[in-house]
N, C-alpha and C. Protein backbone atom coordinates (compact mmCIF):
# COMPACT_ATOMS: atom_id res chain seq x y z
N UNK A 1 87.78 111.07 115.53
CA UNK A 1 89.02 111.08 114.69
C UNK A 1 89.16 111.12 112.94
N UNK A 2 90.70 111.27 112.79
CA UNK A 2 90.81 111.52 111.41
C UNK A 2 91.28 110.38 110.19
N UNK A 3 91.26 110.05 109.32
CA UNK A 3 92.10 109.47 108.25
C UNK A 3 92.66 109.92 107.05
N UNK A 4 93.45 110.23 106.76
CA UNK A 4 94.36 110.56 105.29
C UNK A 4 94.18 109.12 103.79
N UNK A 5 93.93 110.23 103.00
CA UNK A 5 94.00 109.03 101.70
C UNK A 5 94.62 109.26 100.95
N UNK A 6 95.59 109.16 100.45
CA UNK A 6 96.64 109.78 99.04
C UNK A 6 96.44 108.95 97.78
N UNK A 7 95.70 109.43 97.30
CA UNK A 7 95.94 108.94 95.75
C UNK A 7 96.18 109.84 94.60
N UNK A 8 97.23 108.73 93.63
CA UNK A 8 97.86 109.02 92.67
C UNK A 8 97.25 108.83 91.01
N UNK A 9 97.12 109.80 90.23
CA UNK A 9 96.37 109.13 88.86
C UNK A 9 98.22 110.35 87.82
N UNK A 10 97.89 110.14 86.88
CA UNK A 10 98.20 110.36 85.96
C UNK A 10 97.99 111.74 84.83
N UNK A 11 98.32 112.70 85.32
CA UNK A 11 97.96 113.54 84.19
C UNK A 11 99.06 114.13 83.18
N UNK A 12 98.84 113.73 81.81
CA UNK A 12 100.32 113.80 80.83
C UNK A 12 101.28 112.66 80.73
N UNK A 13 102.44 113.54 81.25
CA UNK A 13 103.33 112.59 81.56
C UNK A 13 103.81 112.46 83.61
N UNK A 14 103.46 113.55 84.04
CA UNK A 14 102.97 113.77 85.03
C UNK A 14 101.82 112.94 86.25
N UNK A 15 102.54 112.64 87.57
CA UNK A 15 101.59 112.42 88.47
C UNK A 15 100.72 113.65 88.69
N UNK A 16 99.62 112.91 89.07
CA UNK A 16 98.75 114.09 89.95
C UNK A 16 97.83 113.37 91.40
N UNK A 17 98.90 113.75 91.95
CA UNK A 17 98.26 113.24 93.08
C UNK A 17 97.68 114.05 94.53
N UNK A 18 96.62 113.46 94.81
CA UNK A 18 95.40 113.73 95.90
C UNK A 18 95.59 113.61 97.38
N UNK A 19 95.63 114.48 97.99
CA UNK A 19 95.50 114.06 99.38
C UNK A 19 94.29 114.46 100.23
N UNK A 20 93.45 113.44 100.48
CA UNK A 20 91.93 113.83 101.18
C UNK A 20 92.05 113.37 102.97
N UNK A 21 91.31 114.14 103.59
CA UNK A 21 91.21 113.98 104.83
C UNK A 21 89.68 113.71 104.93
N UNK A 22 89.25 112.39 105.92
CA UNK A 22 88.30 112.18 105.79
C UNK A 22 88.11 112.36 107.64
N UNK A 23 86.81 111.99 108.02
CA UNK A 23 86.83 112.30 109.41
C UNK A 23 85.89 110.53 109.13
N UNK A 24 86.37 110.18 110.34
CA UNK A 24 86.12 108.40 110.08
C UNK A 24 84.98 108.27 109.83
N UNK A 25 84.21 107.35 108.92
CA UNK A 25 83.38 107.01 108.88
C UNK A 25 82.43 107.83 108.41
N UNK A 26 82.58 108.72 107.58
CA UNK A 26 81.67 109.71 106.81
C UNK A 26 82.79 109.75 105.36
N UNK A 27 81.69 109.36 104.31
CA UNK A 27 81.94 109.41 103.38
C UNK A 27 82.83 111.27 102.82
N UNK A 28 82.44 111.32 102.71
CA UNK A 28 82.92 113.00 102.17
C UNK A 28 84.26 113.94 102.75
N UNK A 29 84.93 114.40 102.23
CA UNK A 29 86.11 114.46 102.65
C UNK A 29 85.67 116.13 103.34
N UNK A 30 86.70 116.58 105.02
CA UNK A 30 86.53 117.29 105.02
C UNK A 30 87.69 118.36 104.80
N UNK A 31 89.09 118.25 103.76
CA UNK A 31 89.66 118.78 103.40
C UNK A 31 90.52 118.18 102.56
N UNK A 32 91.07 118.82 100.82
CA UNK A 32 92.24 118.01 100.19
C UNK A 32 93.31 119.29 99.79
N UNK A 33 94.22 118.23 99.49
CA UNK A 33 95.35 119.10 99.42
C UNK A 33 96.51 118.56 98.31
N UNK A 34 95.96 119.13 96.87
CA UNK A 34 96.71 119.19 95.91
C UNK A 34 97.77 118.87 95.42
N UNK A 35 98.50 117.34 95.95
CA UNK A 35 99.70 117.02 95.67
C UNK A 35 100.79 117.43 94.10
N UNK A 36 100.16 118.00 93.14
CA UNK A 36 100.54 117.95 92.54
C UNK A 36 101.45 116.77 91.46
N UNK A 37 102.50 116.75 91.43
CA UNK A 37 103.96 115.97 91.08
C UNK A 37 104.44 115.06 91.72
N UNK A 38 103.75 115.17 93.20
CA UNK A 38 104.47 114.00 93.96
C UNK A 38 103.99 112.91 94.12
N UNK A 39 104.74 112.23 94.89
CA UNK A 39 104.18 110.61 94.73
C UNK A 39 104.49 110.11 96.02
N UNK A 40 103.04 110.09 96.87
CA UNK A 40 102.31 110.00 98.20
C UNK A 40 103.34 108.28 98.60
N UNK A 41 104.03 107.77 99.53
CA UNK A 41 104.71 106.77 99.74
C UNK A 41 104.16 106.00 101.20
N UNK A 42 103.82 107.21 101.81
CA UNK A 42 103.49 106.97 103.45
C UNK A 42 102.69 108.00 104.33
N UNK A 43 101.91 107.94 105.07
CA UNK A 43 101.00 108.97 105.50
C UNK A 43 100.59 108.17 107.05
N UNK A 44 101.03 108.99 107.75
CA UNK A 44 100.21 108.45 109.35
C UNK A 44 100.03 109.41 110.26
N UNK A 45 99.73 109.39 111.60
CA UNK A 45 99.47 110.84 112.40
C UNK A 45 100.17 110.86 113.60
N UNK A 46 100.29 111.36 113.96
CA UNK A 46 101.33 111.86 115.15
C UNK A 46 100.34 111.59 116.28
N UNK A 47 100.66 111.46 117.47
CA UNK A 47 99.37 111.52 118.84
C UNK A 47 98.84 112.69 118.86
N UNK A 48 98.57 113.75 118.36
CA UNK A 48 98.01 114.91 118.89
C UNK A 48 96.61 115.10 117.65
N UNK A 49 96.58 113.92 116.50
CA UNK A 49 95.95 113.65 116.03
C UNK A 49 96.93 114.97 114.29
N UNK A 50 97.64 115.41 114.71
CA UNK A 50 98.22 115.82 112.81
C UNK A 50 98.73 114.92 112.21
N UNK A 51 98.83 114.88 110.86
CA UNK A 51 99.63 114.18 109.41
C UNK A 51 100.37 114.39 108.91
N UNK A 52 101.73 113.57 108.87
CA UNK A 52 102.92 113.38 108.04
C UNK A 52 102.19 112.87 106.90
N UNK A 53 102.77 113.31 105.58
CA UNK A 53 102.72 112.66 104.82
C UNK A 53 104.91 112.19 104.13
N UNK A 54 104.09 111.49 103.77
CA UNK A 54 106.03 110.82 102.64
C UNK A 54 106.02 110.74 101.34
N UNK A 55 106.47 111.85 100.44
CA UNK A 55 106.59 111.64 99.22
C UNK A 55 107.97 111.30 98.51
N UNK A 56 107.78 111.42 97.10
CA UNK A 56 109.48 110.90 96.75
C UNK A 56 110.44 112.19 96.75
N UNK A 57 109.92 114.06 96.65
CA UNK A 57 110.69 114.84 97.21
C UNK A 57 110.14 115.53 97.89
N UNK A 58 109.05 115.08 98.61
CA UNK A 58 108.45 116.57 100.31
C UNK A 58 108.19 115.34 101.15
N UNK A 59 108.36 115.79 102.58
CA UNK A 59 107.60 115.53 103.45
C UNK A 59 106.73 117.08 103.33
N UNK A 60 105.28 116.00 103.93
CA UNK A 60 104.41 116.79 104.18
C UNK A 60 103.79 117.07 105.58
N UNK A 61 103.19 118.47 105.93
CA UNK A 61 102.84 118.43 107.32
C UNK A 61 101.11 118.76 107.50
N UNK A 62 100.55 118.26 107.72
CA UNK A 62 98.91 118.74 108.24
C UNK A 62 98.52 118.74 109.53
N UNK A 63 97.56 119.43 110.02
CA UNK A 63 97.32 119.91 111.40
C UNK A 63 96.27 118.87 111.13
N UNK A 64 95.26 119.04 112.53
CA UNK A 64 94.33 117.88 112.47
C UNK A 64 93.09 118.25 112.13
N UNK A 65 93.32 118.79 111.79
CA UNK A 65 91.88 119.60 110.50
C UNK A 65 92.43 118.49 108.97
N UNK A 66 93.36 118.47 108.60
CA UNK A 66 93.71 117.76 107.46
C UNK A 66 94.71 119.48 106.75
N UNK A 67 94.47 120.01 107.41
CA UNK A 67 94.84 121.72 106.86
C UNK A 67 96.75 121.98 106.19
N UNK A 68 97.23 122.22 105.25
CA UNK A 68 98.24 122.17 104.98
C UNK A 68 99.36 123.53 106.42
N UNK A 69 100.10 122.66 106.87
CA UNK A 69 100.91 123.03 107.69
C UNK A 69 102.14 123.86 107.11
N UNK A 70 103.37 122.83 106.84
CA UNK A 70 104.22 123.09 106.20
C UNK A 70 104.99 121.52 105.82
N UNK A 71 105.96 122.09 104.68
CA UNK A 71 106.91 121.13 103.98
C UNK A 71 108.24 120.94 104.11
N UNK A 72 108.83 120.13 103.97
CA UNK A 72 110.26 120.12 103.79
C UNK A 72 111.14 119.30 102.61
N UNK A 73 111.59 120.24 101.77
CA UNK A 73 111.73 119.75 100.41
C UNK A 73 112.96 118.66 100.93
N UNK A 74 113.09 117.61 99.46
CA UNK A 74 114.37 116.36 100.05
C UNK A 74 115.90 117.16 98.90
N UNK A 75 115.26 117.50 98.27
CA UNK A 75 116.20 117.92 96.87
C UNK A 75 116.52 116.32 96.35
N UNK A 76 117.90 115.91 96.62
CA UNK A 76 117.73 114.15 96.03
C UNK A 76 118.47 113.51 96.76
N UNK A 77 117.93 114.03 98.14
CA UNK A 77 118.27 113.28 99.13
C UNK A 77 117.08 111.87 99.38
N UNK A 78 116.92 111.07 99.60
CA UNK A 78 116.47 109.58 99.88
C UNK A 78 115.98 109.19 101.40
N UNK A 79 114.64 109.10 101.48
CA UNK A 79 114.37 108.89 102.71
C UNK A 79 114.84 107.66 102.84
N UNK A 80 115.49 106.93 103.86
CA UNK A 80 115.34 105.34 104.00
C UNK A 80 115.20 104.66 105.44
N UNK A 81 114.59 105.69 106.24
CA UNK A 81 113.86 104.94 107.40
C UNK A 81 113.02 106.42 108.09
N UNK A 82 112.20 105.89 108.98
CA UNK A 82 111.47 106.67 109.59
C UNK A 82 110.75 106.31 111.02
N UNK A 83 111.05 107.02 111.89
CA UNK A 83 110.25 106.48 113.09
C UNK A 83 109.51 107.70 113.35
N UNK A 84 108.49 107.26 114.37
CA UNK A 84 107.57 108.28 115.10
C UNK A 84 107.22 107.59 116.19
N UNK A 85 107.49 108.89 117.37
CA UNK A 85 107.21 108.62 118.48
C UNK A 85 106.33 109.84 119.16
N UNK A 86 104.58 109.59 119.49
CA UNK A 86 104.06 110.77 120.32
C UNK A 86 103.56 111.93 119.12
N UNK A 87 104.33 113.00 119.12
CA UNK A 87 104.56 114.51 118.31
C UNK A 87 105.45 114.51 117.48
N UNK A 88 106.90 113.67 117.29
CA UNK A 88 108.08 113.63 116.36
C UNK A 88 107.87 112.39 115.66
N UNK A 89 108.90 112.90 114.41
CA UNK A 89 108.94 112.25 113.33
C UNK A 89 110.26 112.10 112.90
N UNK A 90 111.17 111.17 113.06
CA UNK A 90 112.67 111.24 112.58
C UNK A 90 112.77 110.37 111.25
N UNK A 91 113.43 111.36 110.64
CA UNK A 91 113.61 110.22 108.81
C UNK A 91 115.43 110.40 109.02
N UNK A 92 115.67 109.18 108.59
CA UNK A 92 116.70 109.20 107.68
C UNK A 92 117.12 109.51 106.43
N UNK A 93 118.06 110.18 105.91
CA UNK A 93 118.51 111.13 104.44
C UNK A 93 119.15 110.72 104.03
N UNK A 94 119.32 109.43 103.03
CA UNK A 94 120.46 109.64 102.22
C UNK A 94 121.73 110.63 101.45
N UNK A 95 122.68 111.32 102.13
CA UNK A 95 123.15 111.90 101.45
C UNK A 95 123.92 112.32 100.01
N UNK A 96 124.00 110.47 99.34
CA UNK A 96 125.02 110.31 98.51
C UNK A 96 124.08 109.49 97.52
N UNK A 97 124.87 109.02 96.59
CA UNK A 97 124.21 107.66 95.93
C UNK A 97 124.80 106.79 96.03
N UNK A 98 125.81 106.23 96.78
CA UNK A 98 126.34 104.81 97.32
C UNK A 98 126.06 104.76 98.68
N UNK A 99 125.14 106.02 99.67
CA UNK A 99 124.50 106.14 100.66
C UNK A 99 125.62 105.86 101.70
N UNK A 100 126.66 106.24 101.79
CA UNK A 100 127.83 106.26 102.73
C UNK A 100 127.45 107.42 103.96
N UNK A 101 126.84 108.27 103.34
CA UNK A 101 126.55 109.52 104.55
C UNK A 101 125.26 109.76 104.32
N UNK A 102 124.35 109.82 105.61
CA UNK A 102 123.21 109.56 105.81
C UNK A 102 123.04 111.05 106.54
N UNK A 103 121.66 111.90 106.28
CA UNK A 103 121.45 112.63 107.81
C UNK A 103 120.43 112.55 108.36
N UNK A 104 120.41 112.79 109.64
CA UNK A 104 118.89 112.12 110.71
C UNK A 104 118.51 113.64 111.13
N UNK A 105 117.15 113.70 110.51
CA UNK A 105 117.02 115.37 110.63
C UNK A 105 115.60 114.81 111.99
N UNK A 106 114.88 115.06 113.00
CA UNK A 106 114.06 114.45 113.77
C UNK A 106 112.85 116.05 113.50
N UNK A 107 111.85 116.33 113.31
CA UNK A 107 110.74 117.06 113.20
C UNK A 107 109.82 117.18 113.86
N UNK A 108 109.28 118.13 114.72
CA UNK A 108 107.84 117.97 115.20
C UNK A 108 106.78 117.91 114.02
N UNK A 109 104.81 117.87 114.81
CA UNK A 109 104.62 117.65 114.35
C UNK A 109 104.38 118.81 113.41
N UNK A 110 104.38 119.79 113.51
CA UNK A 110 104.68 120.49 112.90
C UNK A 110 105.67 120.78 111.19
N UNK A 111 106.33 120.15 110.77
CA UNK A 111 107.56 120.27 110.07
C UNK A 111 109.32 120.79 110.90
N UNK A 112 108.87 121.03 111.66
CA UNK A 112 110.15 121.69 112.25
C UNK A 112 111.01 121.60 112.88
N UNK A 113 111.88 121.49 112.00
CA UNK A 113 113.26 120.52 113.03
C UNK A 113 114.15 120.62 113.98
N UNK A 114 114.03 120.24 114.59
CA UNK A 114 113.93 119.89 116.40
C UNK A 114 115.83 119.79 116.36
N UNK A 115 116.24 118.59 115.67
CA UNK A 115 117.44 118.03 115.56
C UNK A 115 118.37 117.27 114.35
N UNK A 116 119.14 117.76 113.69
CA UNK A 116 119.93 117.74 112.57
C UNK A 116 121.40 117.28 112.24
N UNK A 117 121.36 115.66 112.04
CA UNK A 117 123.26 115.23 112.62
C UNK A 117 123.35 114.71 111.08
N UNK A 118 124.63 114.59 110.93
CA UNK A 118 124.88 113.51 109.62
C UNK A 118 126.14 112.60 110.43
N UNK A 119 125.82 111.47 109.69
CA UNK A 119 126.90 110.59 110.27
C UNK A 119 127.39 109.80 109.20
N UNK A 120 128.41 109.14 109.43
CA UNK A 120 129.04 108.46 107.80
C UNK A 120 128.59 107.15 108.18
N UNK A 121 127.69 106.82 107.94
CA UNK A 121 127.67 105.55 107.62
C UNK A 121 126.09 105.40 106.65
N UNK A 122 125.69 104.24 106.30
CA UNK A 122 124.19 104.16 105.65
C UNK A 122 123.65 103.30 106.85
N UNK A 123 122.78 104.85 107.55
CA UNK A 123 122.01 104.03 108.40
C UNK A 123 120.36 103.19 107.37
N UNK A 124 120.28 102.63 107.98
CA UNK A 124 118.99 101.12 107.42
C UNK A 124 117.96 101.25 108.56
N UNK A 125 117.91 101.67 109.92
CA UNK A 125 116.54 101.50 110.72
C UNK A 125 117.08 102.49 111.44
N UNK A 126 115.65 103.07 112.55
CA UNK A 126 115.73 104.41 112.98
C UNK A 126 114.43 103.69 114.17
N UNK A 127 114.83 104.56 115.51
CA UNK A 127 113.63 104.13 116.07
C UNK A 127 114.16 105.74 117.33
N UNK A 128 112.98 106.26 117.99
CA UNK A 128 113.23 106.69 118.58
C UNK A 128 112.26 107.54 119.87
N UNK A 129 112.74 107.61 121.61
CA UNK A 129 111.86 108.23 122.22
C UNK A 129 111.72 109.83 122.49
N UNK A 130 111.59 109.67 123.95
CA UNK A 130 111.59 111.28 123.79
C UNK A 130 112.93 111.99 124.45
N UNK A 131 113.91 111.04 124.56
CA UNK A 131 115.18 111.97 124.53
C UNK A 131 116.05 111.20 123.50
N UNK A 132 115.96 110.04 123.22
CA UNK A 132 117.38 109.43 121.97
C UNK A 132 116.88 108.45 121.26
N UNK A 133 117.45 109.08 119.82
CA UNK A 133 117.60 108.51 118.94
C UNK A 133 118.31 107.27 119.06
N UNK A 134 117.67 106.47 118.16
CA UNK A 134 118.91 105.00 117.99
C UNK A 134 118.50 104.28 116.51
N UNK A 135 120.15 104.84 116.05
CA UNK A 135 120.46 104.29 114.61
C UNK A 135 121.12 103.07 114.57
N UNK A 136 120.64 101.89 112.86
CA UNK A 136 121.50 100.85 112.61
C UNK A 136 122.04 101.46 111.64
N UNK A 137 123.34 101.25 111.76
CA UNK A 137 124.40 101.51 110.82
C UNK A 137 125.15 100.47 110.86
N UNK A 138 126.04 99.97 109.11
CA UNK A 138 127.46 98.89 109.28
C UNK A 138 127.09 98.24 110.71
N UNK A 139 125.81 97.82 110.96
CA UNK A 139 125.57 96.13 111.97
C UNK A 139 125.81 96.50 113.22
N UNK A 140 125.96 98.16 113.39
CA UNK A 140 126.07 98.66 114.79
C UNK A 140 125.01 99.31 115.29
N UNK A 141 124.61 99.11 116.52
CA UNK A 141 123.37 100.34 117.08
C UNK A 141 124.37 101.37 117.35
N UNK A 142 124.09 102.32 117.67
CA UNK A 142 124.57 104.07 117.52
C UNK A 142 122.79 104.59 118.43
N UNK A 143 123.16 105.75 119.22
CA UNK A 143 122.46 105.94 120.02
C UNK A 143 122.58 107.50 120.06
N UNK A 144 121.79 108.57 120.20
CA UNK A 144 122.65 110.06 120.15
C UNK A 144 121.63 110.67 121.38
N UNK A 145 121.94 111.71 122.18
CA UNK A 145 120.83 112.33 123.08
C UNK A 145 120.06 113.30 122.08
N UNK A 146 119.21 113.70 121.87
CA UNK A 146 119.03 114.46 120.84
C UNK A 146 118.75 115.98 121.42
N UNK A 147 118.35 116.11 123.11
CA UNK A 147 117.84 117.34 123.69
C UNK A 147 119.25 117.80 124.01
N UNK A 148 120.38 116.74 123.96
CA UNK A 148 121.68 117.61 124.13
C UNK A 148 122.26 118.24 122.87
N UNK A 149 122.82 120.05 122.53
CA UNK A 149 122.84 120.28 121.67
C UNK A 149 124.15 120.22 121.71
N UNK A 150 125.22 119.44 119.99
CA UNK A 150 126.02 119.15 119.66
C UNK A 150 125.87 117.69 120.09
N UNK A 151 125.34 116.83 120.55
CA UNK A 151 124.76 115.39 120.70
C UNK A 151 125.55 114.76 119.31
N UNK A 152 126.31 113.48 119.32
CA UNK A 152 126.66 112.91 118.61
C UNK A 152 126.36 111.44 118.87
N UNK A 153 126.11 110.82 117.46
CA UNK A 153 125.70 109.33 117.96
C UNK A 153 126.38 108.53 118.22
N UNK A 154 126.67 107.62 119.84
CA UNK A 154 127.54 107.17 120.15
C UNK A 154 126.84 105.35 120.09
N UNK A 155 128.63 104.92 119.77
CA UNK A 155 128.55 103.63 119.12
C UNK A 155 127.69 102.59 120.48
N UNK A 156 127.14 101.61 120.09
CA UNK A 156 126.64 100.81 121.58
C UNK A 156 126.83 99.56 121.18
N UNK A 157 127.42 98.71 122.29
CA UNK A 157 128.33 97.56 122.17
C UNK A 157 126.59 96.27 122.01
N UNK A 158 127.18 95.71 121.33
CA UNK A 158 126.08 94.96 121.04
C UNK A 158 126.52 93.10 120.67
N UNK A 159 125.93 92.34 121.30
CA UNK A 159 126.48 90.96 120.93
C UNK A 159 125.89 90.10 120.05
N UNK A 160 124.83 90.48 118.55
CA UNK A 160 124.25 89.88 118.12
C UNK A 160 124.92 90.78 116.62
N UNK A 161 124.86 90.07 115.47
CA UNK A 161 124.75 91.02 114.66
C UNK A 161 123.77 91.68 114.08
N UNK A 162 123.00 93.05 114.14
CA UNK A 162 122.18 93.69 113.93
C UNK A 162 121.84 94.10 113.12
N UNK A 163 120.42 93.13 112.44
CA UNK A 163 119.39 93.57 111.60
C UNK A 163 118.08 94.82 111.59
N UNK A 164 118.09 94.87 112.81
CA UNK A 164 116.60 95.84 112.97
C UNK A 164 117.12 96.55 114.71
N UNK A 165 116.28 97.11 114.69
CA UNK A 165 115.97 98.11 116.03
C UNK A 165 114.43 98.21 116.16
N UNK A 166 114.18 97.94 117.15
CA UNK A 166 112.62 97.89 117.42
C UNK A 166 112.35 98.64 118.77
N UNK A 167 111.36 99.78 119.41
CA UNK A 167 111.53 100.34 120.68
C UNK A 167 109.76 99.66 120.80
N UNK A 168 109.66 99.11 121.96
CA UNK A 168 108.70 98.83 122.89
C UNK A 168 108.35 99.43 124.16
N UNK A 169 107.74 100.47 124.35
CA UNK A 169 107.35 101.25 125.40
C UNK A 169 109.11 101.69 125.34
N UNK A 170 109.20 101.14 127.16
CA UNK A 170 110.47 101.77 127.21
C UNK A 170 111.81 100.84 127.20
N UNK A 171 111.46 99.86 125.46
CA UNK A 171 112.86 99.21 125.78
C UNK A 171 112.73 99.29 124.36
N UNK A 172 114.71 99.23 123.87
CA UNK A 172 114.68 99.64 122.89
C UNK A 172 115.91 97.51 122.72
N UNK A 173 115.24 97.23 121.22
CA UNK A 173 115.60 95.80 121.22
C UNK A 173 116.15 96.01 120.10
N UNK A 174 117.09 95.20 120.04
CA UNK A 174 118.16 94.80 118.66
C UNK A 174 118.53 93.21 118.15
N UNK A 175 118.22 92.88 117.46
CA UNK A 175 118.43 91.49 116.87
C UNK A 175 118.25 91.29 115.07
N UNK A 176 118.57 90.21 114.68
CA UNK A 176 119.30 89.35 113.68
C UNK A 176 118.15 88.73 113.63
N UNK A 177 118.11 87.56 112.01
CA UNK A 177 117.10 86.98 112.25
C UNK A 177 116.84 85.77 113.12
N UNK A 178 117.34 85.57 114.31
CA UNK A 178 117.50 84.19 114.79
C UNK A 178 117.31 84.58 116.23
N UNK A 179 118.00 86.07 116.68
CA UNK A 179 117.99 86.37 118.05
C UNK A 179 118.23 87.81 118.07
N UNK A 180 117.81 88.16 119.69
CA UNK A 180 117.63 89.56 120.09
C UNK A 180 118.39 89.64 121.75
N UNK A 181 118.59 91.04 122.19
CA UNK A 181 118.58 91.24 122.45
C UNK A 181 118.14 92.91 122.99
N UNK A 182 117.90 92.72 124.39
CA UNK A 182 117.49 93.63 124.86
C UNK A 182 118.63 95.18 125.29
N UNK A 183 118.54 95.99 124.68
CA UNK A 183 119.35 97.21 124.84
C UNK A 183 119.73 98.14 125.72
N UNK A 184 118.58 98.41 126.07
CA UNK A 184 118.17 99.74 127.25
C UNK A 184 116.67 99.45 127.50
N UNK A 185 116.69 100.21 128.66
CA UNK A 185 115.12 100.27 129.36
C UNK A 185 114.87 101.19 130.11
N UNK A 186 113.84 102.28 130.47
CA UNK A 186 113.63 103.25 131.07
C UNK A 186 114.42 104.39 130.18
N UNK A 187 114.76 104.61 129.10
CA UNK A 187 115.30 105.82 128.36
C UNK A 187 116.74 105.68 128.46
N UNK A 188 117.30 104.60 128.64
CA UNK A 188 118.48 104.59 128.94
C UNK A 188 119.42 104.13 128.12
């Protein structure tokens, strides 16, 4: 297996970022990507060994050898939450300064967009599986079937004031600081 290491230096008044890929246990990188003026903030792997790197201005996608595959340019959008499930990444992008409009985008491991919607609220947490995307916004949980064309988020009734959502296997759990409830089992 491989690991990715993102490092940031300063060159003049700009960042000088490099993303290096190593085989676990090796001291020398097997590939390197010069990210320039990007600021890497998160990196992880997909189930098949491909990588994503979230930066301040782009999301970068790499194959299992650490070779650049594609990128998604964020324009002025800010990422407020991400979820990884097997070989997909779902990102929540704030569309404006007051954060009352969010885009939900599902990418495959090569950076291709499989689902893209906008929702009129500030989405603060996200989770997904092979069928549904679960969103937390305005203290409510929303669910949408991303395999159905034109599917829009539906409000899910929940009896706790929701501050987070998590997925553990087939279970989706919503909760606050003191309590939690199970919402769905087996992709329902």
